Amino acid sequence: MISSPVLLNTHSYFSILEGTQSPRDLALSAAASGYESIALTDHNLLSGSVEFTRACLEANLRPILGLEVDV
């Protein structure tokens, strides 16, 4: 079984100065590129997680939720 690549370090516009796309746009871009799953790992917050999860499920992607915490 050959598995497809997975994006594991993806930031949406909720990560100030690091991401420019909405969580929904990230999911749709990943689906259009043939990915089976994608992670959202914004900095210090999970504000886009609901929008991201819904968009992934609609696009038949497995959502992976993560978080980068600055300490």
C-alpha atoms as a PDB file:
ATOM      1  CA  MET A   1       0.000   0.000   0.000  1.00  0.00           C
ATOM      2  CA  ILE A   2       1.402   3.360  -1.017  1.00  0.00           C
ATOM      3  CA  SER A   3       0.402   6.250   1.193  1.00  0.00           C
ATOM      4  CA  SER A   4       0.102   9.806   0.007  1.00  0.00           C
ATOM      5  CA  PRO A   5       2.092  12.661   1.552  1.00  0.00           C
ATOM      6  CA  VAL A   6       0.586  14.610   4.423  1.00  0.00           C
ATOM      7  CA  LEU A   7       1.090  18.284   5.200  1.00  0.00           C
ATOM      8  CA  LEU A   8       1.820  18.398   8.940  1.00  0.00           C
ATOM      9  CA  ASN A   9       2.930  21.994   9.505  1.00  0.00           C
ATOM     10  CA  THR A  10       0.254  24.214   7.998  1.00  0.00           C
ATOM     11  CA  HIS A  11      -0.733  27.674   9.240  1.00  0.00           C
ATOM     12  CA  SER A  12      -3.893  29.579   8.415  1.00  0.00           C
ATOM     13  CA  TYR A  13      -4.431  33.321   8.665  1.00  0.00           C
ATOM     14  CA  PHE A  14      -5.049  32.797  12.382  1.00  0.00           C
ATOM     15  CA  SER A  15      -1.251  32.499  12.719  1.00  0.00           C
ATOM     16  CA  ILE A  16      -0.357  36.157  12.348  1.00  0.00           C
ATOM     17  CA  LEU A  17       2.502  36.767   9.878  1.00  0.00           C
ATOM     18  CA  GLU A  18       2.782  33.052   9.020  1.00  0.00           C
ATOM     19  CA  GLY A  19      -0.337  32.016   7.151  1.00  0.00           C
ATOM     20  CA  THR A  20      -2.440  33.782   4.551  1.00  0.00           C
ATOM     21  CA  GLN A  21      -5.231  31.337   3.688  1.00  0.00           C
ATOM     22  CA  SER A  22      -8.394  30.551   5.587  1.00  0.00           C
ATOM     23  CA  PRO A  23      -8.673  27.079   7.138  1.00  0.00           C
ATOM     24  CA  ARG A  24     -11.307  26.270   4.493  1.00  0.00           C
ATOM     25  CA  ASP A  25      -9.029  27.339   1.634  1.00  0.00           C
ATOM     26  CA  LEU A  26      -6.198  25.201   3.028  1.00  0.00           C
ATOM     27  CA  ALA A  27      -8.448  22.140   3.051  1.00  0.00           C
ATOM     28  CA  LEU A  28      -9.758  22.782  -0.455  1.00  0.00           C
ATOM     29  CA  SER A  29      -6.221  23.325  -1.798  1.00  0.00           C
ATOM     30  CA  ALA A  30      -5.044  20.077  -0.238  1.00  0.00           C
ATOM     31  CA  ALA A  31      -7.986  18.154  -1.701  1.00  0.00           C
ATOM     32  CA  ALA A  32      -7.376  19.660  -5.152  1.00  0.00           C
ATOM     33  CA  SER A  33      -3.715  18.595  -4.889  1.00  0.00           C
ATOM     34  CA  GLY A  34      -4.673  14.993  -4.163  1.00  0.00           C
ATOM     35  CA  TYR A  35      -3.854  14.826  -0.468  1.00  0.00           C
ATOM     36  CA  GLU A  36      -5.771  12.397   1.751  1.00  0.00           C
ATOM     37  CA  SER A  37      -5.216  14.365   4.958  1.00  0.00           C
ATOM     38  CA  ILE A  38      -3.830  17.670   6.181  1.00  0.00           C
ATOM     39  CA  ALA A  39      -2.926  19.135   9.561  1.00  0.00           C
ATOM     40  CA  LEU A  40      -3.685  22.615  10.846  1.00  0.00           C
ATOM     41  CA  THR A  41      -1.043  23.739  13.356  1.00  0.00           C
ATOM     42  CA  ASP A  42      -1.659  27.403  14.064  1.00  0.00           C
ATOM     43  CA  HIS A  43       0.304  29.262  16.745  1.00  0.00           C
ATOM     44  CA  ASN A  44      -1.115  29.450  20.263  1.00  0.00           C
ATOM     45  CA  LEU A  45      -4.770  28.980  19.325  1.00  0.00           C
ATOM     46  CA  LEU A  46      -7.315  26.632  17.824  1.00  0.00           C
ATOM     47  CA  SER A  47      -9.628  29.315  16.427  1.00  0.00           C
ATOM     48  CA  GLY A  48      -9.802  27.800  12.945  1.00  0.00           C
ATOM     49  CA  SER A  49     -10.253  24.187  14.002  1.00  0.00           C
ATOM     50  CA  VAL A  50     -14.029  23.945  13.536  1.00  0.00           C
ATOM     51  CA  GLU A  51     -13.989  25.617  10.106  1.00  0.00           C
ATOM     52  CA  PHE A  52     -10.999  23.470   9.116  1.00  0.00           C
ATOM     53  CA  THR A  53     -12.559  20.197  10.280  1.00  0.00           C
ATOM     54  CA  ARG A  54     -15.839  20.873   8.500  1.00  0.00           C
ATOM     55  CA  ALA A  55     -14.055  21.821   5.272  1.00  0.00           C
ATOM     56  CA  CYS A  56     -11.876  18.703   5.427  1.00  0.00           C
ATOM     57  CA  LEU A  57     -14.842  16.412   5.932  1.00  0.00           C
ATOM     58  CA  GLU A  58     -16.710  18.063   3.054  1.00  0.00           C
ATOM     59  CA  ALA A  59     -13.630  17.595   0.830  1.00  0.00           C
ATOM     60  CA  ASN A  60     -13.190  13.956   1.919  1.00  0.00           C
ATOM     61  CA  LEU A  61      -9.943  14.695   3.782  1.00  0.00           C
ATOM     62  CA  ARG A  62      -8.845  13.449   7.187  1.00  0.00           C
ATOM     63  CA  PRO A  63      -8.282  16.514   9.377  1.00  0.00           C
ATOM     64  CA  ILE A  64      -5.406  16.520  11.846  1.00  0.00           C
ATOM     65  CA  LEU A  65      -5.523  19.197  14.522  1.00  0.00           C
ATOM     66  CA  GLY A  66      -2.344  20.427  16.119  1.00  0.00           C
ATOM     67  CA  LEU A  67      -1.020  23.466  17.878  1.00  0.00           C
ATOM     68  CA  GLU A  68       2.336  25.218  18.072  1.00  0.00           C
ATOM     69  CA  VAL A  69       2.735  26.750  21.501  1.00  0.00           C
ATOM     70  CA  ASP A  70       5.292  29.463  22.204  1.00  0.00           C
ATOM     71  CA  VAL A  71       6.801  29.066  25.661  1.00  0.00           C
END
